[in-house]
Amino acid sequence: MSYFDVLGERAKQCKNELAFASTQQKNDALLEIAHILRNREADILAANAEDIERARQNNMKESLIDRLTLNHDRIEGMAVSCEELVGLSDPIGEVVEGSTRPNGMKIEKVRVPMGVIGIIYEARPNVTVDGAILSLKAGSAVILRGGKEAISSNKMLAHLMRKAVSLSGFSPDIIQLVENVDRSIVMDMMRSNEFLDLLIPRGGAQLIKAVVENATVPVIETGTGNCHVYVDQSADLNMAVDIVDNGKTSRPSVCNAVETCLVHASVADRFLPKLKARLDKHNVEIRGCEITRHFLGSDIKLADEEDYATEFLDYIISIRVVEDMSIALDHIAKYSTGHSECIVTESVWAAEEFKKRVDAAAVYVNCSTRFTDGGMFGLGAEIGISTQKLHARGPMGLREMTTTKFLITGNGQIRV
């Protein structure tokens, strides 16, 4: 058997003990994970320090090192995510819909576990915990393959979670980590139809593209985030500055960060200097159209097609001044990845048109795109933001990690 087949066989052997576990058993395991994460924080930080040191030696960008970095608050956030999942209703066994047919048959559609879920992701060790605990509560075994940049952190986190679920009476193999960082293992994982019921890629465009194009296992695509804020002619400009600033600078390395700001021409002369003054505090590089450069100075780099199409994940933003909302909508339709889009406006008509016409998983009016997150939506931890349209779209929380089956009860009916 191949390296991945061994992991797959282990997951397959133990998946039913989790699938048939009670809500209380699963919640007890989640609380045990929360406890061990807090109790072993020093060990987690020591492992993470090894990853950060390697990243700096390899000249990784600071914005990506931020994704890799764990600290007290982020570890506490992982533990809190476990506790929040405990507080959420168990989706397994939930009756989605039901009916009684004219012949007396009772039909119910109920939620059931996926079985074994595979997750491929990059240098974000928090995904190791998010993926494991979501799968656990959703009743599925999980095999995690994180980026080699975070291998020390991921090994420690997986070790601790496996210990926690063992203490709760489960096989440790309901949570497994691919510790072999050879890329060939990823290809094996993408084609492991015998063992994986679902594969979820979480990361940049290149990773997601590779998985979608090469996987034979069913895939839910978590998308990249080329997110826009359109500042309408009726916008409260101070509110708009706050929203763009928060979207760009609060954490630029995440998929719900703002990458492009579109500005109505009638407010550009007043809005752009205000925005630049705020972004300058964070040393954000602005790449703008000719009109943007007219108002902000020729030292602003001229934006090109590539800039408008790029998910920077850095302290860089592109700006375009548009004559009206229809041009802004055309721009978003051309360059958006369908993740999160925002309008800042005081016009009810403009807000409703924007919500109706923008094709994205999350469409905002007068609030930051940074809220596209399972926790912020009240869904608990999430494994990513789905930008596809089949099965799941938007934050992928507990229910999106399950599937359904039909239960039919009769009293002797036959088809004639």
Protein backbone atom coordinates (compact mmCIF):
# COMPACT_ATOMS: atom_id res chain seq x y z
CA MET A 1 0.00 0.00 0.00
CA SER A 2 1.10 3.56 -0.67
CA TYR A 3 1.74 6.03 2.14
CA PHE A 4 -1.65 7.68 1.64
CA ASP A 5 -3.48 4.37 1.29
CA VAL A 6 -2.34 3.47 4.81
CA LEU A 7 -3.88 6.69 6.14
CA GLY A 8 -6.99 6.13 4.07
CA GLU A 9 -7.45 2.59 5.33
CA ARG A 10 -7.11 3.73 8.94
CA ALA A 11 -9.71 6.44 8.43
CA LYS A 12 -12.06 4.02 6.69
CA GLN A 13 -11.78 1.54 9.56
CA CYS A 14 -12.74 4.05 12.23
CA LYS A 15 -15.15 6.41 10.46
CA ASN A 16 -18.27 4.60 11.66
CA GLU A 17 -17.45 4.98 15.34
CA LEU A 18 -17.63 8.73 14.79
CA ALA A 19 -20.55 8.62 12.38
CA PHE A 20 -22.69 6.76 14.94
CA ALA A 21 -21.42 8.66 18.00
CA SER A 22 -23.82 10.69 20.11
CA THR A 23 -23.76 14.46 20.19
CA GLN A 24 -22.51 14.30 23.78
CA GLN A 25 -19.57 12.08 22.82
CA LYS A 26 -18.54 14.45 20.05
CA ASN A 27 -18.95 17.51 22.27
CA ASP A 28 -16.86 15.89 25.00
CA ALA A 29 -14.06 15.34 22.47
CA LEU A 30 -14.26 18.97 21.32
CA LEU A 31 -13.98 20.22 24.90
CA GLU A 32 -11.01 17.92 25.46
CA ILE A 33 -9.33 19.42 22.38
CA ALA A 34 -9.99 22.95 23.68
CA HIS A 35 -8.49 22.00 27.02
CA ILE A 36 -5.33 20.46 25.58
CA LEU A 37 -4.74 23.39 23.19
CA ARG A 38 -4.77 25.80 26.11
CA ASN A 39 -2.78 23.52 28.39
CA ARG A 40 -0.04 22.88 25.85
CA GLU A 41 0.24 26.40 24.42
CA ALA A 42 3.98 26.58 25.12
CA ASP A 43 4.60 23.42 23.08
CA ILE A 44 2.51 24.75 20.20
CA LEU A 45 4.36 28.07 20.18
CA ALA A 46 7.73 26.32 20.27
CA ALA A 47 6.81 24.22 17.24
CA ASN A 48 5.46 27.28 15.45
CA ALA A 49 8.71 29.16 16.14
CA GLU A 50 10.55 26.47 14.17
CA ASP A 51 8.28 27.06 11.18
CA ILE A 52 8.67 30.84 11.39
CA GLU A 53 12.46 30.55 11.55
CA ARG A 54 12.52 28.39 8.41
CA ALA A 55 10.14 30.78 6.67
CA ARG A 56 12.42 33.75 7.34
CA GLN A 57 15.45 31.80 6.16
CA ASN A 58 13.55 31.08 2.94
CA ASN A 59 12.63 34.78 2.55
CA MET A 60 8.87 34.24 2.82
CA LYS A 61 6.89 37.49 2.53
CA GLU A 62 5.87 39.03 5.85
CA SER A 63 2.19 38.91 4.90
CA LEU A 64 2.48 35.14 4.43
CA ILE A 65 4.48 34.75 7.63
CA ASP A 66 1.49 36.39 9.34
CA ARG A 67 -0.67 33.51 8.10
CA LEU A 68 1.84 31.05 9.46
CA THR A 69 2.22 32.68 12.86
CA LEU A 70 0.50 31.46 16.02
CA ASN A 71 0.31 33.41 19.26
CA HIS A 72 -1.69 33.32 22.47
CA ASP A 73 -4.74 34.99 20.94
CA ARG A 74 -4.82 32.70 17.91
CA ILE A 75 -4.45 29.57 20.00
CA GLU A 76 -7.18 30.83 22.31
CA GLY A 77 -9.28 31.44 19.20
CA MET A 78 -8.86 27.78 18.22
CA ALA A 79 -9.98 26.67 21.67
CA VAL A 80 -12.96 29.01 21.58
CA SER A 81 -13.91 27.61 18.15
CA CYS A 82 -14.11 24.16 19.76
CA GLU A 83 -16.41 25.49 22.46
CA GLU A 84 -18.57 27.33 19.93
CA LEU A 85 -19.05 24.11 17.99
CA VAL A 86 -20.21 22.44 21.18
CA GLY A 87 -22.89 25.11 21.43
CA LEU A 88 -24.15 24.51 17.90
CA SER A 89 -26.83 21.96 17.18
CA ASP A 90 -25.64 18.65 15.78
CA PRO A 91 -26.54 18.47 12.07
CA ILE A 92 -26.41 14.67 11.95
CA GLY A 93 -29.91 13.19 11.90
CA GLU A 94 -31.54 16.55 11.22
CA VAL A 95 -34.63 16.18 9.04
CA VAL A 96 -34.15 18.61 6.17
CA GLU A 97 -37.58 18.01 4.69
CA GLY A 98 -40.27 15.37 4.61
CA SER A 99 -43.57 14.43 3.09
CA THR A 100 -46.16 11.69 2.95
CA ARG A 101 -46.97 10.39 -0.53
CA PRO A 102 -50.55 9.71 -1.69
CA ASN A 103 -49.88 5.97 -1.30
CA GLY A 104 -49.03 6.48 2.39
CA MET A 105 -45.24 6.21 2.14
CA LYS A 106 -43.43 8.55 4.52
CA ILE A 107 -40.31 10.15 2.98
CA GLU A 108 -37.70 12.06 4.99
CA LYS A 109 -34.51 13.70 3.83
CA VAL A 110 -31.94 13.67 6.67
CA ARG A 111 -28.39 14.89 7.18
CA VAL A 112 -25.65 12.25 7.44
CA PRO A 113 -21.84 12.35 7.65
CA MET A 114 -19.70 12.51 4.51
CA GLY A 115 -17.54 9.62 5.73
CA VAL A 116 -13.87 10.51 5.22
CA ILE A 117 -12.94 14.09 4.31
CA GLY A 118 -9.57 15.14 2.93
CA ILE A 119 -8.37 18.73 3.30
CA ILE A 120 -5.39 20.20 1.42
CA TYR A 121 -4.21 23.62 2.56
CA GLU A 122 -1.19 25.88 2.79
CA ALA A 123 0.81 27.54 5.56
CA ARG A 124 -2.04 28.23 7.98
CA PRO A 125 -1.80 25.94 11.02
CA ASN A 126 -5.16 27.12 12.36
CA VAL A 127 -6.75 25.21 9.46
CA THR A 128 -5.39 22.02 11.01
CA VAL A 129 -7.64 22.61 13.99
CA ASP A 130 -10.58 24.07 12.07
CA GLY A 131 -10.64 21.13 9.67
CA ALA A 132 -10.37 18.54 12.41
CA ILE A 133 -13.01 19.92 14.75
CA LEU A 134 -15.54 20.67 12.02
CA SER A 135 -15.17 17.18 10.61
CA LEU A 136 -15.48 15.70 14.11
CA LYS A 137 -18.75 17.47 14.91
CA ALA A 138 -20.05 16.69 11.41
CA GLY A 139 -19.36 12.99 12.09
CA SER A 140 -16.56 12.42 9.55
CA ALA A 141 -12.99 11.21 9.86
CA VAL A 142 -10.48 13.64 8.37
CA ILE A 143 -7.08 13.46 6.68
CA LEU A 144 -5.22 16.77 6.71
CA ARG A 145 -2.42 17.81 4.37
CA GLY A 146 -1.00 21.22 5.25
CA GLY A 147 1.84 23.12 3.62
CA LYS A 148 5.40 22.05 4.36
CA GLU A 149 6.08 25.54 5.73
CA ALA A 150 3.87 24.74 8.74
CA ILE A 151 4.86 21.12 9.25
CA SER A 152 6.22 21.53 12.80
CA SER A 153 3.11 23.37 13.97
CA ASN A 154 0.79 20.93 12.21
CA LYS A 155 2.50 17.88 13.71
CA MET A 156 2.16 19.30 17.20
CA LEU A 157 -1.48 20.30 16.74
CA ALA A 158 -2.40 16.94 15.21
CA HIS A 159 -0.57 15.08 17.98
CA LEU A 160 -2.45 17.01 20.66
CA MET A 161 -5.85 16.56 19.03
CA ARG A 162 -5.29 12.85 18.50
CA LYS A 163 -4.42 12.55 22.18
CA ALA A 164 -7.56 14.49 23.13
CA VAL A 165 -9.95 12.35 21.07
CA SER A 166 -8.30 9.20 22.45
CA LEU A 167 -9.00 10.42 25.96
CA SER A 168 -12.62 10.87 24.85
CA GLY A 169 -12.92 7.25 23.73
CA PHE A 170 -12.41 7.64 19.99
CA SER A 171 -9.72 6.13 17.80
CA PRO A 172 -6.97 8.73 17.25
CA ASP A 173 -7.23 7.93 13.54
CA ILE A 174 -10.41 9.94 13.17
CA ILE A 175 -7.87 12.78 12.85
CA GLN A 176 -4.77 12.13 10.73
CA LEU A 177 -2.09 14.40 9.33
CA VAL A 178 -0.06 13.74 6.18
CA GLU A 179 3.39 14.17 7.68
CA ASN A 180 5.22 13.27 4.47
CA VAL A 181 5.67 16.61 2.65
CA ASP A 182 6.50 14.98 -0.71
CA ARG A 183 4.24 16.54 -3.35
CA SER A 184 3.52 13.15 -4.86
CA ILE A 185 1.39 12.39 -1.79
CA VAL A 186 -0.91 15.26 -2.79
CA MET A 187 -1.56 13.63 -6.17
CA ASP A 188 -2.29 10.33 -4.44
CA MET A 189 -4.72 12.13 -2.18
CA MET A 190 -6.52 13.81 -5.08
CA ARG A 191 -7.14 10.42 -6.70
CA SER A 192 -7.96 8.37 -3.62
CA ASN A 193 -11.57 7.60 -4.53
CA GLU A 194 -11.38 4.36 -2.56
CA PHE A 195 -10.91 6.19 0.72
CA LEU A 196 -11.98 9.84 0.40
CA ASP A 197 -15.62 10.86 0.06
CA LEU A 198 -14.82 14.56 -0.31
CA LEU A 199 -11.72 16.70 -0.88
CA ILE A 200 -11.55 20.36 0.14
CA PRO A 201 -8.66 22.57 -1.05
CA ARG A 202 -8.08 25.72 0.99
CA GLY A 203 -5.44 28.17 -0.16
CA GLY A 204 -4.31 30.30 -3.06
CA ALA A 205 -5.45 30.22 -6.65
CA GLN A 206 -2.61 27.94 -7.76
CA LEU A 207 -3.39 25.27 -5.19
CA ILE A 208 -7.12 25.34 -5.84
CA LYS A 209 -6.61 25.21 -9.61
CA ALA A 210 -4.29 22.20 -9.28
CA VAL A 211 -6.79 20.29 -7.15
CA VAL A 212 -9.81 21.09 -9.32
CA GLU A 213 -7.97 20.10 -12.51
CA ASN A 214 -6.36 16.90 -11.20
CA ALA A 215 -8.70 15.42 -8.60
CA THR A 216 -10.94 12.46 -9.34
CA VAL A 217 -12.32 12.64 -5.78
CA PRO A 218 -15.36 14.96 -5.45
CA VAL A 219 -14.12 18.48 -4.65
CA ILE A 220 -15.67 21.51 -2.99
CA GLU A 221 -13.78 24.53 -4.25
CA THR A 222 -12.92 27.17 -1.66
CA GLY A 223 -12.16 30.21 -3.72
CA THR A 224 -9.61 32.95 -3.83
CA GLY A 225 -10.79 36.41 -2.87
CA ASN A 226 -10.36 39.25 -5.33
CA CYS A 227 -12.77 41.42 -3.34
CA HIS A 228 -14.01 44.91 -4.21
CA VAL A 229 -15.51 47.91 -2.45
CA TYR A 230 -17.53 50.28 -4.64
CA VAL A 231 -17.89 53.79 -3.18
CA ASP A 232 -21.12 55.18 -4.61
CA GLN A 233 -21.85 58.85 -5.28
CA SER A 234 -24.17 58.97 -2.25
CA ALA A 235 -21.73 57.25 0.12
CA ASP A 236 -20.84 58.52 3.57
CA LEU A 237 -17.19 59.11 2.73
CA ASN A 238 -15.89 58.70 6.27
CA MET A 239 -17.73 55.37 6.50
CA ALA A 240 -16.24 54.37 3.15
CA VAL A 241 -12.72 55.14 4.34
CA ASP A 242 -13.28 53.01 7.45
CA ILE A 243 -14.64 50.10 5.42
CA VAL A 244 -11.86 50.12 2.80
CA ASP A 245 -9.19 50.57 5.47
CA ASN A 246 -10.56 47.70 7.55
CA GLY A 247 -10.94 45.50 4.50
CA LYS A 248 -7.39 46.14 3.34
CA THR A 249 -5.25 46.56 6.46
CA SER A 250 -6.83 44.63 9.35
CA ARG A 251 -5.37 41.41 7.91
CA PRO A 252 -4.31 41.69 4.27
CA SER A 253 -3.22 38.07 3.92
CA VAL A 254 -6.73 36.58 4.11
CA CYS A 255 -9.22 35.82 1.34
CA ASN A 256 -11.84 38.33 2.49
CA ALA A 257 -9.43 41.28 2.37
CA VAL A 258 -10.20 44.08 -0.10
CA GLU A 259 -8.01 44.17 -3.20
CA THR A 260 -9.71 46.85 -5.34
CA CYS A 261 -11.61 50.04 -4.54
CA LEU A 262 -13.95 51.45 -7.19
CA VAL A 263 -14.91 55.11 -6.72
CA HIS A 264 -17.71 57.10 -8.34
CA ALA A 265 -16.21 60.02 -10.27
CA SER A 266 -18.39 62.61 -8.53
CA VAL A 267 -16.80 61.90 -5.12
CA ALA A 268 -13.27 60.96 -6.21
CA ASP A 269 -11.76 64.40 -5.50
CA ARG A 270 -12.97 64.29 -1.89
CA PHE A 271 -12.72 60.60 -1.15
CA LEU A 272 -9.34 59.61 -2.59
CA PRO A 273 -7.19 62.01 -0.51
CA LYS A 274 -9.02 60.85 2.63
CA LEU A 275 -8.42 57.22 1.73
CA LYS A 276 -4.75 57.74 0.88
CA ALA A 277 -4.13 59.53 4.19
CA ARG A 278 -5.57 56.53 6.04
CA LEU A 279 -3.78 53.88 3.97
CA ASP A 280 -0.48 55.75 4.25
CA LYS A 281 -0.54 54.99 7.99
CA HIS A 282 -0.16 51.32 7.08
CA ASN A 283 2.27 51.91 4.18
CA VAL A 284 -0.22 50.52 1.67
CA GLU A 285 0.98 50.72 -1.92
CA ILE A 286 -1.69 52.22 -4.18
CA ARG A 287 -1.94 51.30 -7.85
CA GLY A 288 -4.49 53.48 -9.60
CA CYS A 289 -6.03 54.54 -12.88
CA GLU A 290 -5.08 57.84 -14.56
CA ILE A 291 -7.84 59.72 -12.74
CA THR A 292 -6.64 58.32 -9.42
CA ARG A 293 -3.12 59.53 -10.25
CA HIS A 294 -4.55 62.95 -11.14
CA PHE A 295 -5.94 63.34 -7.63
CA LEU A 296 -3.20 61.54 -5.68
CA GLY A 297 -0.08 62.37 -7.67
CA SER A 298 2.00 60.84 -10.41
CA ASP A 299 4.06 58.86 -7.91
CA ILE A 300 1.08 56.49 -7.69
CA LYS A 301 1.82 53.47 -9.87
CA LEU A 302 -0.46 53.16 -12.89
CA ALA A 303 -2.71 50.12 -12.45
CA ASP A 304 -2.93 47.64 -15.30
CA GLU A 305 -5.11 44.63 -16.12
CA GLU A 306 -2.96 42.32 -14.03
CA ASP A 307 -3.33 44.55 -10.96
CA TYR A 308 -7.12 44.52 -11.19
CA ALA A 309 -7.08 40.73 -11.58
CA THR A 310 -4.69 40.05 -8.69
CA GLU A 311 -5.42 38.85 -5.18
CA PHE A 312 -2.49 40.70 -3.59
CA LEU A 313 -2.71 39.27 -0.06
CA ASP A 314 -0.42 42.15 0.87
CA TYR A 315 -0.40 45.85 1.67
CA ILE A 316 -1.26 46.71 -1.93
CA ILE A 317 -4.56 47.99 -3.33
CA SER A 318 -5.75 48.90 -6.81
CA ILE A 319 -8.11 51.85 -7.34
CA ARG A 320 -10.28 52.78 -10.30
CA VAL A 321 -12.52 55.81 -10.72
CA VAL A 322 -15.76 54.97 -12.57
CA GLU A 323 -18.42 57.19 -14.12
CA ASP A 324 -21.38 55.30 -12.68
CA MET A 325 -22.42 52.12 -10.91
CA SER A 326 -22.97 50.19 -14.15
CA ILE A 327 -19.26 50.48 -14.93
CA ALA A 328 -18.42 49.38 -11.40
CA LEU A 329 -20.70 46.36 -11.84
CA ASP A 330 -19.04 45.51 -15.16
CA HIS A 331 -15.61 45.75 -13.52
CA ILE A 332 -16.66 43.45 -10.67
CA ALA A 333 -18.22 40.97 -13.10
CA LYS A 334 -14.95 40.85 -15.05
CA TYR A 335 -12.45 40.58 -12.21
CA SER A 336 -14.33 39.23 -9.18
CA THR A 337 -13.64 35.70 -7.99
CA GLY A 338 -17.17 35.54 -6.58
CA HIS A 339 -16.08 35.77 -2.95
CA SER A 340 -17.14 39.01 -1.23
CA GLU A 341 -18.19 42.34 -2.76
CA CYS A 342 -19.28 45.56 -1.08
CA ILE A 343 -21.07 48.81 -1.90
CA VAL A 344 -20.95 51.88 0.32
CA THR A 345 -24.04 53.98 -0.38
CA GLU A 346 -26.88 55.92 1.18
CA SER A 347 -29.13 55.12 -1.78
CA VAL A 348 -31.67 52.37 -1.20
CA TRP A 349 -32.01 51.90 -4.96
CA ALA A 350 -28.24 51.54 -5.46
CA ALA A 351 -27.99 49.09 -2.57
CA GLU A 352 -30.79 46.91 -3.93
CA GLU A 353 -29.41 46.96 -7.47
CA PHE A 354 -25.95 46.01 -6.22
CA LYS A 355 -27.31 43.12 -4.15
CA LYS A 356 -29.36 41.88 -7.08
CA ARG A 357 -26.71 42.18 -9.81
CA VAL A 358 -23.48 41.15 -8.10
CA ASP A 359 -22.77 37.42 -8.40
CA ALA A 360 -20.77 36.53 -5.29
CA ALA A 361 -21.01 34.28 -2.25
CA ALA A 362 -21.34 37.32 0.03
CA VAL A 363 -22.64 40.75 -1.01
CA TYR A 364 -22.32 43.62 1.49
CA VAL A 365 -23.97 47.00 1.88
CA ASN A 366 -22.14 49.45 4.15
CA CYS A 367 -20.00 46.95 6.05
CA SER A 368 -16.58 45.38 5.69
CA THR A 369 -15.90 42.30 3.57
CA ARG A 370 -13.80 41.04 6.47
CA PHE A 371 -16.98 39.60 8.00
CA THR A 372 -17.09 36.75 5.47
CA ASP A 373 -16.19 34.16 8.04
CA GLY A 374 -18.05 31.28 9.64
CA GLY A 375 -17.60 32.68 13.12
CA MET A 376 -18.80 36.14 12.14
CA PHE A 377 -21.87 34.64 10.47
CA GLY A 378 -22.74 32.66 13.59
CA LEU A 379 -21.81 29.35 11.95
CA GLY A 380 -18.90 28.54 14.25
CA ALA A 381 -15.60 27.43 12.79
CA GLU A 382 -15.44 27.10 9.02
CA ILE A 383 -13.14 25.30 6.63
CA GLY A 384 -13.22 27.93 3.93
CA ILE A 385 -15.40 30.12 1.75
CA SER A 386 -16.93 28.22 -1.14
CA THR A 387 -17.21 30.31 -4.31
CA GLN A 388 -18.79 27.53 -6.35
CA LYS A 389 -22.53 27.07 -6.68
CA LEU A 390 -23.10 23.36 -6.12
CA HIS A 391 -23.76 21.90 -2.65
CA ALA A 392 -22.20 24.76 -0.68
CA ARG A 393 -21.60 28.48 -1.21
CA GLY A 394 -20.12 31.01 1.20
CA PRO A 395 -18.70 30.06 4.62
CA MET A 396 -18.52 26.28 4.92
CA GLY A 397 -19.65 25.44 8.41
CA LEU A 398 -21.11 22.31 9.96
CA ARG A 399 -24.03 21.71 7.63
CA GLU A 400 -21.91 22.22 4.55
CA MET A 401 -19.65 19.41 5.79
CA THR A 402 -22.50 16.88 5.66
CA THR A 403 -24.53 15.19 2.96
CA THR A 404 -28.07 13.80 2.96
CA LYS A 405 -29.95 10.59 2.41
CA PHE A 406 -33.60 9.72 2.00
CA LEU A 407 -35.43 7.53 4.49
CA ILE A 408 -38.61 5.92 3.17
CA THR A 409 -41.08 4.13 5.45
CA GLY A 410 -44.06 2.21 4.18
CA ASN A 411 -46.46 -0.56 5.13
CA GLY A 412 -46.22 -2.85 2.13
CA GLN A 413 -46.50 -0.44 -0.80
CA ILE A 414 -45.33 -1.77 -4.17
CA ARG A 415 -44.90 0.04 -7.47
CA VAL A 416 -47.31 -0.90 -10.22
